[in-house]
Amino acid sequence: MTAYVAEGVERIRRESPLVHNVTNLVAMTLSANVLIAAGASPIMSAAPEEAGDLAAMSGALVVNIGTLTAPWIAGARAAVEGARGARRPWVLDPVGVGATAFRRETAVALVALQPRIIRGNASEILALAVGGVAGKGVDSTAGTMDASDAARALAARTGAVVAVTGAVDLVTDGTRTLAVANGHELLTRTTASGCALTALIGAWAATLQDPLAATAGALAAYGIAAERAAARAQGCGSFVAALLDALGELDGATAATLARIT
């Protein structure tokens, strides 16, 4: 059942896929460090002049709308066009999509460009799937199961694998659905932890052909690292360092054994 978890962990270490991130200013450092710890190679650029070329040469693209500006949108569009032209998978993180009309319009336009995977919290997936305002800024006010039907509908409509992250994560392609129970509460007290998770999903998408397996595997690996980090951390600050250490230490056999995927 979880053989793909071991395969993903080991292949990322062996192949070190390049992951292009058009991400937000808050998340850049943690996202890059998470990718490096897992064995991948990050690059961060939203410049329209080069984003398309970078995405085309990368194994996968991650687009995150957290700190949204008009120039950022131009860079994201260029990157997506480059990824699609080179047939590279790309992952969308619709951060705070329910907060403003600007975010909703941008996210809807990006979804129309056919991401392979969409990752958000329950409020973000609800807002993206059914429209309207949802969440408290970039934070969720809904639980994972509240968004389960919306996630399946969004996946069926867009052709993307949709991941709803929370205490238990839900991953669906509209037909198949998996639940991932790994993780720790300290992730909710660490800024940009969800954004860094989406970056990690990008590395898995570059490595495994099945986007459902790639997404579930990344969620499990990240959750396992969080559990192991929490056991040695003294608080939020030391947890971040311990999370990076745990990701760097994680091997495929351990990940497959500890993954709680149903």
C-alpha atoms as a PDB file:
ATOM      1  CA  MET A   1       0.000   0.000   0.000  1.00  0.00           C
ATOM      2  CA  THR A   2       2.754   2.487   0.909  1.00  0.00           C
ATOM      3  CA  ALA A   3       5.556   1.238  -1.354  1.00  0.00           C
ATOM      4  CA  TYR A   4       5.294   4.464  -3.341  1.00  0.00           C
ATOM      5  CA  VAL A   5       6.139   6.410  -0.168  1.00  0.00           C
ATOM      6  CA  ALA A   6       9.494   4.662   0.088  1.00  0.00           C
ATOM      7  CA  GLU A   7      10.044   5.032  -3.648  1.00  0.00           C
ATOM      8  CA  GLY A   8       9.380   8.766  -3.587  1.00  0.00           C
ATOM      9  CA  VAL A   9      11.654   9.487  -0.630  1.00  0.00           C
ATOM     10  CA  GLU A  10      14.540   7.524  -2.136  1.00  0.00           C
ATOM     11  CA  ARG A  11      14.126   8.782  -5.706  1.00  0.00           C
ATOM     12  CA  ILE A  12      14.093  12.432  -4.630  1.00  0.00           C
ATOM     13  CA  ARG A  13      17.353  11.852  -2.757  1.00  0.00           C
ATOM     14  CA  ARG A  14      18.847  10.058  -5.753  1.00  0.00           C
ATOM     15  CA  GLU A  15      17.590  12.292  -8.568  1.00  0.00           C
ATOM     16  CA  SER A  16      17.493  15.688  -6.801  1.00  0.00           C
ATOM     17  CA  PRO A  17      14.766  17.160  -9.038  1.00  0.00           C
ATOM     18  CA  LEU A  18      14.887  20.883  -9.760  1.00  0.00           C
ATOM     19  CA  VAL A  19      11.701  22.552  -8.501  1.00  0.00           C
ATOM     20  CA  HIS A  20      10.871  26.065  -9.687  1.00  0.00           C
ATOM     21  CA  ASN A  21       8.876  28.052  -7.125  1.00  0.00           C
ATOM     22  CA  VAL A  22       6.873  31.154  -7.945  1.00  0.00           C
ATOM     23  CA  THR A  23       6.004  31.579  -4.309  1.00  0.00           C
ATOM     24  CA  ASN A  24       5.366  34.224  -1.701  1.00  0.00           C
ATOM     25  CA  LEU A  25       7.909  36.329   0.147  1.00  0.00           C
ATOM     26  CA  VAL A  26       7.031  34.852   3.543  1.00  0.00           C
ATOM     27  CA  ALA A  27       7.517  31.263   2.385  1.00  0.00           C
ATOM     28  CA  MET A  28      10.633  31.422   0.215  1.00  0.00           C
ATOM     29  CA  THR A  29      13.263  30.525   2.803  1.00  0.00           C
ATOM     30  CA  LEU A  30      11.386  27.689   4.496  1.00  0.00           C
ATOM     31  CA  SER A  31      10.233  26.257   1.154  1.00  0.00           C
ATOM     32  CA  ALA A  32      13.773  26.234  -0.207  1.00  0.00           C
ATOM     33  CA  ASN A  33      15.148  24.659   2.976  1.00  0.00           C
ATOM     34  CA  VAL A  34      12.453  21.957   3.025  1.00  0.00           C
ATOM     35  CA  LEU A  35      13.260  21.048  -0.577  1.00  0.00           C
ATOM     36  CA  ILE A  36      16.993  20.918   0.141  1.00  0.00           C
ATOM     37  CA  ALA A  37      16.456  18.816   3.270  1.00  0.00           C
ATOM     38  CA  ALA A  38      14.368  16.317   1.287  1.00  0.00           C
ATOM     39  CA  GLY A  39      17.065  16.077  -1.378  1.00  0.00           C
ATOM     40  CA  ALA A  40      15.530  18.274  -4.103  1.00  0.00           C
ATOM     41  CA  SER A  41      16.999  21.406  -5.687  1.00  0.00           C
ATOM     42  CA  PRO A  42      14.955  24.636  -5.376  1.00  0.00           C
ATOM     43  CA  ILE A  43      14.942  27.745  -7.505  1.00  0.00           C
ATOM     44  CA  MET A  44      12.862  30.824  -6.640  1.00  0.00           C
ATOM     45  CA  SER A  45      11.953  33.384  -9.286  1.00  0.00           C
ATOM     46  CA  ALA A  46       8.789  35.251 -10.277  1.00  0.00           C
ATOM     47  CA  ALA A  47      10.446  37.450 -12.920  1.00  0.00           C
ATOM     48  CA  PRO A  48       8.367  37.251 -16.123  1.00  0.00           C
ATOM     49  CA  GLU A  49      11.576  37.632 -18.145  1.00  0.00           C
ATOM     50  CA  GLU A  50      12.902  34.246 -16.998  1.00  0.00           C
ATOM     51  CA  ALA A  51      10.092  32.365 -15.249  1.00  0.00           C
ATOM     52  CA  GLY A  52       9.035  30.506 -18.385  1.00  0.00           C
ATOM     53  CA  ASP A  53      12.531  29.301 -19.160  1.00  0.00           C
ATOM     54  CA  LEU A  54      13.136  28.228 -15.564  1.00  0.00           C
ATOM     55  CA  ALA A  55       9.881  26.288 -15.393  1.00  0.00           C
ATOM     56  CA  ALA A  56      10.630  24.534 -18.675  1.00  0.00           C
ATOM     57  CA  MET A  57      14.012  23.320 -17.436  1.00  0.00           C
ATOM     58  CA  SER A  58      12.694  22.218 -14.034  1.00  0.00           C
ATOM     59  CA  GLY A  59      11.174  18.912 -13.033  1.00  0.00           C
ATOM     60  CA  ALA A  60       8.094  20.666 -11.663  1.00  0.00           C
ATOM     61  CA  LEU A  61       6.674  24.129 -10.993  1.00  0.00           C
ATOM     62  CA  VAL A  62       4.995  25.345  -7.790  1.00  0.00           C
ATOM     63  CA  VAL A  63       2.799  28.471  -7.900  1.00  0.00           C
ATOM     64  CA  ASN A  64       1.785  30.069  -4.579  1.00  0.00           C
ATOM     65  CA  ILE A  65      -0.384  33.220  -4.434  1.00  0.00           C
ATOM     66  CA  GLY A  66       0.435  34.207  -0.854  1.00  0.00           C
ATOM     67  CA  THR A  67       1.865  37.699  -1.466  1.00  0.00           C
ATOM     68  CA  LEU A  68       0.019  38.613  -4.622  1.00  0.00           C
ATOM     69  CA  THR A  69       0.962  41.516  -6.918  1.00  0.00           C
ATOM     70  CA  ALA A  70       0.361  42.313 -10.592  1.00  0.00           C
ATOM     71  CA  PRO A  71       4.025  41.655 -11.569  1.00  0.00           C
ATOM     72  CA  TRP A  72       3.873  38.361  -9.666  1.00  0.00           C
ATOM     73  CA  ILE A  73       0.832  37.332 -11.726  1.00  0.00           C
ATOM     74  CA  ALA A  74       2.746  38.026 -14.938  1.00  0.00           C
ATOM     75  CA  GLY A  75       5.616  35.885 -13.677  1.00  0.00           C
ATOM     76  CA  ALA A  76       3.268  33.074 -12.653  1.00  0.00           C
ATOM     77  CA  ARG A  77       1.583  33.044 -16.059  1.00  0.00           C
ATOM     78  CA  ALA A  78       4.948  32.962 -17.822  1.00  0.00           C
ATOM     79  CA  ALA A  79       6.088  30.099 -15.590  1.00  0.00           C
ATOM     80  CA  VAL A  80       2.916  28.092 -16.171  1.00  0.00           C
ATOM     81  CA  GLU A  81       3.206  28.576 -19.934  1.00  0.00           C
ATOM     82  CA  GLY A  82       6.811  27.360 -19.767  1.00  0.00           C
ATOM     83  CA  ALA A  83       5.866  24.328 -17.684  1.00  0.00           C
ATOM     84  CA  ARG A  84       2.969  23.407 -19.934  1.00  0.00           C
ATOM     85  CA  GLY A  85       5.057  23.835 -23.062  1.00  0.00           C
ATOM     86  CA  ALA A  86       7.679  21.458 -21.661  1.00  0.00           C
ATOM     87  CA  ARG A  87       4.996  19.104 -20.269  1.00  0.00           C
ATOM     88  CA  ARG A  88       6.163  19.595 -16.716  1.00  0.00           C
ATOM     89  CA  PRO A  89       3.686  19.132 -13.834  1.00  0.00           C
ATOM     90  CA  TRP A  90       2.723  22.221 -11.920  1.00  0.00           C
ATOM     91  CA  VAL A  91       1.177  22.632  -8.472  1.00  0.00           C
ATOM     92  CA  LEU A  92      -1.104  25.457  -7.320  1.00  0.00           C
ATOM     93  CA  ASP A  93      -1.349  26.724  -3.726  1.00  0.00           C
ATOM     94  CA  PRO A  94      -4.311  29.173  -3.618  1.00  0.00           C
ATOM     95  CA  VAL A  95      -3.290  30.874  -0.361  1.00  0.00           C
ATOM     96  CA  GLY A  96      -6.112  32.941   1.138  1.00  0.00           C
ATOM     97  CA  VAL A  97      -8.165  32.615  -2.047  1.00  0.00           C
ATOM     98  CA  GLY A  98     -11.403  33.432  -0.218  1.00  0.00           C
ATOM     99  CA  ALA A  99     -10.097  36.640   1.335  1.00  0.00           C
ATOM    100  CA  THR A 100     -10.434  39.092  -1.579  1.00  0.00           C
ATOM    101  CA  ALA A 101     -11.826  39.351  -5.097  1.00  0.00           C
ATOM    102  CA  PHE A 102      -8.269  39.910  -6.386  1.00  0.00           C
ATOM    103  CA  ARG A 103      -7.150  36.550  -5.024  1.00  0.00           C
ATOM    104  CA  ARG A 104     -10.260  34.732  -6.221  1.00  0.00           C
ATOM    105  CA  GLU A 105      -9.973  36.080  -9.754  1.00  0.00           C
ATOM    106  CA  THR A 106      -6.260  35.234  -9.914  1.00  0.00           C
ATOM    107  CA  ALA A 107      -6.757  31.711  -8.584  1.00  0.00           C
ATOM    108  CA  VAL A 108      -9.662  30.985 -10.939  1.00  0.00           C
ATOM    109  CA  ALA A 109      -7.565  32.141 -13.904  1.00  0.00           C
ATOM    110  CA  LEU A 110      -4.688  29.903 -12.800  1.00  0.00           C
ATOM    111  CA  VAL A 111      -6.963  26.886 -12.324  1.00  0.00           C
ATOM    112  CA  ALA A 112      -8.060  27.342 -15.941  1.00  0.00           C
ATOM    113  CA  LEU A 113      -4.411  26.686 -16.907  1.00  0.00           C
ATOM    114  CA  GLN A 114      -4.759  23.104 -15.633  1.00  0.00           C
ATOM    115  CA  PRO A 115      -2.526  22.510 -12.615  1.00  0.00           C
ATOM    116  CA  ARG A 116      -1.667  18.868 -12.015  1.00  0.00           C
ATOM    117  CA  ILE A 117      -2.214  19.289  -8.241  1.00  0.00           C
ATOM    118  CA  ILE A 118      -4.034  21.856  -6.081  1.00  0.00           C
ATOM    119  CA  ARG A 119      -3.145  22.008  -2.356  1.00  0.00           C
ATOM    120  CA  GLY A 120      -4.979  24.149   0.171  1.00  0.00           C
ATOM    121  CA  ASN A 121      -6.624  24.177   3.565  1.00  0.00           C
ATOM    122  CA  ALA A 122     -10.335  23.430   3.839  1.00  0.00           C
ATOM    123  CA  SER A 123     -11.458  27.056   3.604  1.00  0.00           C
ATOM    124  CA  GLU A 124      -9.292  27.658   0.540  1.00  0.00           C
ATOM    125  CA  ILE A 125     -10.601  24.583  -1.278  1.00  0.00           C
ATOM    126  CA  LEU A 126     -14.195  25.509  -0.420  1.00  0.00           C
ATOM    127  CA  ALA A 127     -13.684  29.046  -1.722  1.00  0.00           C
ATOM    128  CA  LEU A 128     -12.027  27.805  -4.897  1.00  0.00           C
ATOM    129  CA  ALA A 129     -14.643  25.129  -5.529  1.00  0.00           C
ATOM    130  CA  VAL A 130     -17.838  26.999  -4.734  1.00  0.00           C
ATOM    131  CA  GLY A 131     -16.809  30.666  -4.701  1.00  0.00           C
ATOM    132  CA  GLY A 132     -17.470  33.299  -2.081  1.00  0.00           C
ATOM    133  CA  VAL A 133     -15.546  34.234   1.050  1.00  0.00           C
ATOM    134  CA  ALA A 134     -14.038  31.509   3.235  1.00  0.00           C
ATOM    135  CA  GLY A 135     -11.381  31.452   5.937  1.00  0.00           C
ATOM    136  CA  LYS A 136      -9.791  34.053   8.183  1.00  0.00           C
ATOM    137  CA  GLY A 137      -7.164  35.694   5.985  1.00  0.00           C
ATOM    138  CA  VAL A 138      -4.916  32.783   5.006  1.00  0.00           C
ATOM    139  CA  ASP A 139      -6.097  30.584   7.918  1.00  0.00           C
ATOM    140  CA  SER A 140      -8.822  27.968   7.688  1.00  0.00           C
ATOM    141  CA  THR A 141     -12.064  28.172   9.630  1.00  0.00           C
ATOM    142  CA  ALA A 142     -13.311  24.819   8.279  1.00  0.00           C
ATOM    143  CA  GLY A 143     -12.264  21.219   8.849  1.00  0.00           C
ATOM    144  CA  THR A 144     -11.010  18.819   6.219  1.00  0.00           C
ATOM    145  CA  MET A 145     -14.233  16.807   6.061  1.00  0.00           C
ATOM    146  CA  ASP A 146     -16.222  20.023   5.553  1.00  0.00           C
ATOM    147  CA  ALA A 147     -14.442  20.350   2.203  1.00  0.00           C
ATOM    148  CA  SER A 148     -14.473  16.692   1.116  1.00  0.00           C
ATOM    149  CA  ASP A 149     -17.364  16.960  -1.341  1.00  0.00           C
ATOM    150  CA  ALA A 150     -16.059  20.258  -2.693  1.00  0.00           C
ATOM    151  CA  ALA A 151     -12.604  18.739  -3.174  1.00  0.00           C
ATOM    152  CA  ARG A 152     -13.986  15.804  -5.154  1.00  0.00           C
ATOM    153  CA  ALA A 153     -16.094  18.115  -7.285  1.00  0.00           C
ATOM    154  CA  LEU A 154     -13.141  20.436  -7.923  1.00  0.00           C
ATOM    155  CA  ALA A 155     -10.947  17.493  -8.888  1.00  0.00           C
ATOM    156  CA  ALA A 156     -13.590  16.110 -11.246  1.00  0.00           C
ATOM    157  CA  ARG A 157     -14.138  19.521 -12.848  1.00  0.00           C
ATOM    158  CA  THR A 158     -10.489  20.482 -13.309  1.00  0.00           C
ATOM    159  CA  GLY A 159      -8.745  17.134 -13.755  1.00  0.00           C
ATOM    160  CA  ALA A 160      -6.345  18.062 -10.941  1.00  0.00           C
ATOM    161  CA  VAL A 161      -5.581  16.059  -7.839  1.00  0.00           C
ATOM    162  CA  VAL A 162      -6.900  18.130  -4.931  1.00  0.00           C
ATOM    163  CA  ALA A 163      -5.348  17.961  -1.461  1.00  0.00           C
ATOM    164  CA  VAL A 164      -7.156  19.399   1.554  1.00  0.00           C
ATOM    165  CA  THR A 165      -4.754  19.663   4.470  1.00  0.00           C
ATOM    166  CA  GLY A 166      -5.683  19.734   8.141  1.00  0.00           C
ATOM    167  CA  ALA A 167      -5.551  17.478  11.178  1.00  0.00           C
ATOM    168  CA  VAL A 168      -6.116  14.624   8.705  1.00  0.00           C
ATOM    169  CA  ASP A 169      -5.348  15.362   5.065  1.00  0.00           C
ATOM    170  CA  LEU A 170      -7.655  14.398   2.209  1.00  0.00           C
ATOM    171  CA  VAL A 171      -6.317  13.721  -1.304  1.00  0.00           C
ATOM    172  CA  THR A 172      -8.631  13.034  -4.242  1.00  0.00           C
ATOM    173  CA  ASP A 173      -8.653  12.876  -8.017  1.00  0.00           C
ATOM    174  CA  GLY A 174     -12.449  12.879  -8.041  1.00  0.00           C
ATOM    175  CA  THR A 175     -12.619   9.079  -8.145  1.00  0.00           C
ATOM    176  CA  ARG A 176      -9.921   7.822  -5.795  1.00  0.00           C
ATOM    177  CA  THR A 177      -9.642   9.358  -2.335  1.00  0.00           C
ATOM    178  CA  LEU A 178      -6.944   8.884   0.292  1.00  0.00           C
ATOM    179  CA  ALA A 179      -6.675  10.111   3.882  1.00  0.00           C
ATOM    180  CA  VAL A 180      -3.252  10.889   5.380  1.00  0.00           C
ATOM    181  CA  ALA A 181      -3.149  11.038   9.176  1.00  0.00           C
ATOM    182  CA  ASN A 182       0.506  11.994   9.723  1.00  0.00           C
ATOM    183  CA  GLY A 183       1.402  15.410  11.109  1.00  0.00           C
ATOM    184  CA  HIS A 184       1.643  17.480  14.281  1.00  0.00           C
ATOM    185  CA  GLU A 185      -0.097  20.520  15.731  1.00  0.00           C
ATOM    186  CA  LEU A 186       3.159  22.521  15.769  1.00  0.00           C
ATOM    187  CA  LEU A 187       2.878  22.812  11.977  1.00  0.00           C
ATOM    188  CA  THR A 188      -0.121  25.112  12.549  1.00  0.00           C
ATOM    189  CA  ARG A 189       2.050  27.378  14.708  1.00  0.00           C
ATOM    190  CA  THR A 190       4.830  27.720  12.120  1.00  0.00           C
ATOM    191  CA  THR A 191       4.416  30.373   9.442  1.00  0.00           C
ATOM    192  CA  ALA A 192       4.672  29.116   5.850  1.00  0.00           C
ATOM    193  CA  SER A 193       4.613  25.448   6.857  1.00  0.00           C
ATOM    194  CA  GLY A 194       1.761  24.783   4.434  1.00  0.00           C
ATOM    195  CA  CYS A 195       3.513  26.663   1.646  1.00  0.00           C
ATOM    196  CA  ALA A 196       6.671  24.626   2.231  1.00  0.00           C
ATOM    197  CA  LEU A 197       4.572  21.460   2.069  1.00  0.00           C
ATOM    198  CA  THR A 198       3.295  22.515  -1.360  1.00  0.00           C
ATOM    199  CA  ALA A 199       6.893  23.016  -2.484  1.00  0.00           C
ATOM    200  CA  LEU A 200       7.666  19.492  -1.319  1.00  0.00           C
ATOM    201  CA  ILE A 201       4.662  18.172  -3.258  1.00  0.00           C
ATOM    202  CA  GLY A 202       6.311  19.735  -6.299  1.00  0.00           C
ATOM    203  CA  ALA A 203       9.409  17.577  -5.768  1.00  0.00           C
ATOM    204  CA  TRP A 204       7.244  14.472  -5.491  1.00  0.00           C
ATOM    205  CA  ALA A 205       5.276  15.446  -8.610  1.00  0.00           C
ATOM    206  CA  ALA A 206       8.569  15.704 -10.486  1.00  0.00           C
ATOM    207  CA  THR A 207       9.509  12.214  -9.320  1.00  0.00           C
ATOM    208  CA  LEU A 208       6.381   9.996  -9.366  1.00  0.00           C
ATOM    209  CA  GLN A 209       4.085   9.673 -12.393  1.00  0.00           C
ATOM    210  CA  ASP A 210       0.837   9.272 -10.433  1.00  0.00           C
ATOM    211  CA  PRO A 211      -0.097  12.684  -8.966  1.00  0.00           C
ATOM    212  CA  LEU A 212      -2.372  11.098  -6.348  1.00  0.00           C
ATOM    213  CA  ALA A 213       0.475   8.919  -5.050  1.00  0.00           C
ATOM    214  CA  ALA A 214       2.913  11.837  -5.286  1.00  0.00           C
ATOM    215  CA  THR A 215       0.658  14.090  -3.239  1.00  0.00           C
ATOM    216  CA  ALA A 216      -0.189  11.493  -0.589  1.00  0.00           C
ATOM    217  CA  GLY A 217       3.464  10.457  -0.334  1.00  0.00           C
ATOM    218  CA  ALA A 218       4.632  14.035   0.163  1.00  0.00           C
ATOM    219  CA  LEU A 219       1.962  14.663   2.804  1.00  0.00           C
ATOM    220  CA  ALA A 220       2.947  11.516   4.680  1.00  0.00           C
ATOM    221  CA  ALA A 221       6.690  12.215   4.529  1.00  0.00           C
ATOM    222  CA  TYR A 222       6.221  15.800   5.709  1.00  0.00           C
ATOM    223  CA  GLY A 223       3.837  14.690   8.466  1.00  0.00           C
ATOM    224  CA  ILE A 224       6.238  11.986   9.675  1.00  0.00           C
ATOM    225  CA  ALA A 225       9.075  14.516   9.792  1.00  0.00           C
ATOM    226  CA  ALA A 226       6.831  16.853  11.804  1.00  0.00           C
ATOM    227  CA  GLU A 227       5.997  14.106  14.287  1.00  0.00           C
ATOM    228  CA  ARG A 228       9.652  13.247  14.783  1.00  0.00           C
ATOM    229  CA  ALA A 229      10.626  16.916  15.000  1.00  0.00           C
ATOM    230  CA  ALA A 230       7.994  17.628  17.656  1.00  0.00           C
ATOM    231  CA  ALA A 231       9.426  14.876  19.836  1.00  0.00           C
ATOM    232  CA  ARG A 232      12.744  16.713  20.074  1.00  0.00           C
ATOM    233  CA  ALA A 233      11.646  20.366  19.828  1.00  0.00           C
ATOM    234  CA  GLN A 234      11.172  22.690  22.795  1.00  0.00           C
ATOM    235  CA  GLY A 235       8.807  25.069  21.021  1.00  0.00           C
ATOM    236  CA  CYS A 236       7.931  26.695  17.712  1.00  0.00           C
ATOM    237  CA  GLY A 237      11.420  28.009  16.969  1.00  0.00           C
ATOM    238  CA  SER A 238      13.332  24.810  17.610  1.00  0.00           C
ATOM    239  CA  PHE A 239      10.581  22.881  15.809  1.00  0.00           C
ATOM    240  CA  VAL A 240      11.492  24.484  12.472  1.00  0.00           C
ATOM    241  CA  ALA A 241      15.127  23.442  12.776  1.00  0.00           C
ATOM    242  CA  ALA A 242      14.107  19.980  13.972  1.00  0.00           C
ATOM    243  CA  LEU A 243      11.685  19.641  11.037  1.00  0.00           C
ATOM    244  CA  LEU A 244      14.474  20.270   8.551  1.00  0.00           C
ATOM    245  CA  ASP A 245      16.723  17.811  10.392  1.00  0.00           C
ATOM    246  CA  ALA A 246      13.975  15.170  10.399  1.00  0.00           C
ATOM    247  CA  LEU A 247      13.329  15.594   6.680  1.00  0.00           C
ATOM    248  CA  GLY A 248      17.043  15.247   6.017  1.00  0.00           C
ATOM    249  CA  GLU A 249      17.250  12.068   8.089  1.00  0.00           C
ATOM    250  CA  LEU A 250      14.119  10.385   6.725  1.00  0.00           C
ATOM    251  CA  ASP A 251      14.713   7.277   4.625  1.00  0.00           C
ATOM    252  CA  GLY A 252      12.269   5.459   2.418  1.00  0.00           C
ATOM    253  CA  ALA A 253      11.817   2.364   4.557  1.00  0.00           C
ATOM    254  CA  THR A 254      11.057   4.416   7.672  1.00  0.00           C
ATOM    255  CA  ALA A 255       8.638   6.641   5.765  1.00  0.00           C
ATOM    256  CA  ALA A 256       6.747   3.650   4.360  1.00  0.00           C
ATOM    257  CA  THR A 257       6.536   2.039   7.799  1.00  0.00           C
ATOM    258  CA  LEU A 258       5.283   5.169   9.578  1.00  0.00           C
ATOM    259  CA  ALA A 259       2.948   6.477   6.850  1.00  0.00           C
ATOM    260  CA  ARG A 260      -0.694   6.451   7.950  1.00  0.00           C
ATOM    261  CA  ILE A 261      -2.497   6.450   4.604  1.00  0.00           C
ATOM    262  CA  THR A 262      -5.942   4.907   4.165  1.00  0.00           C
END
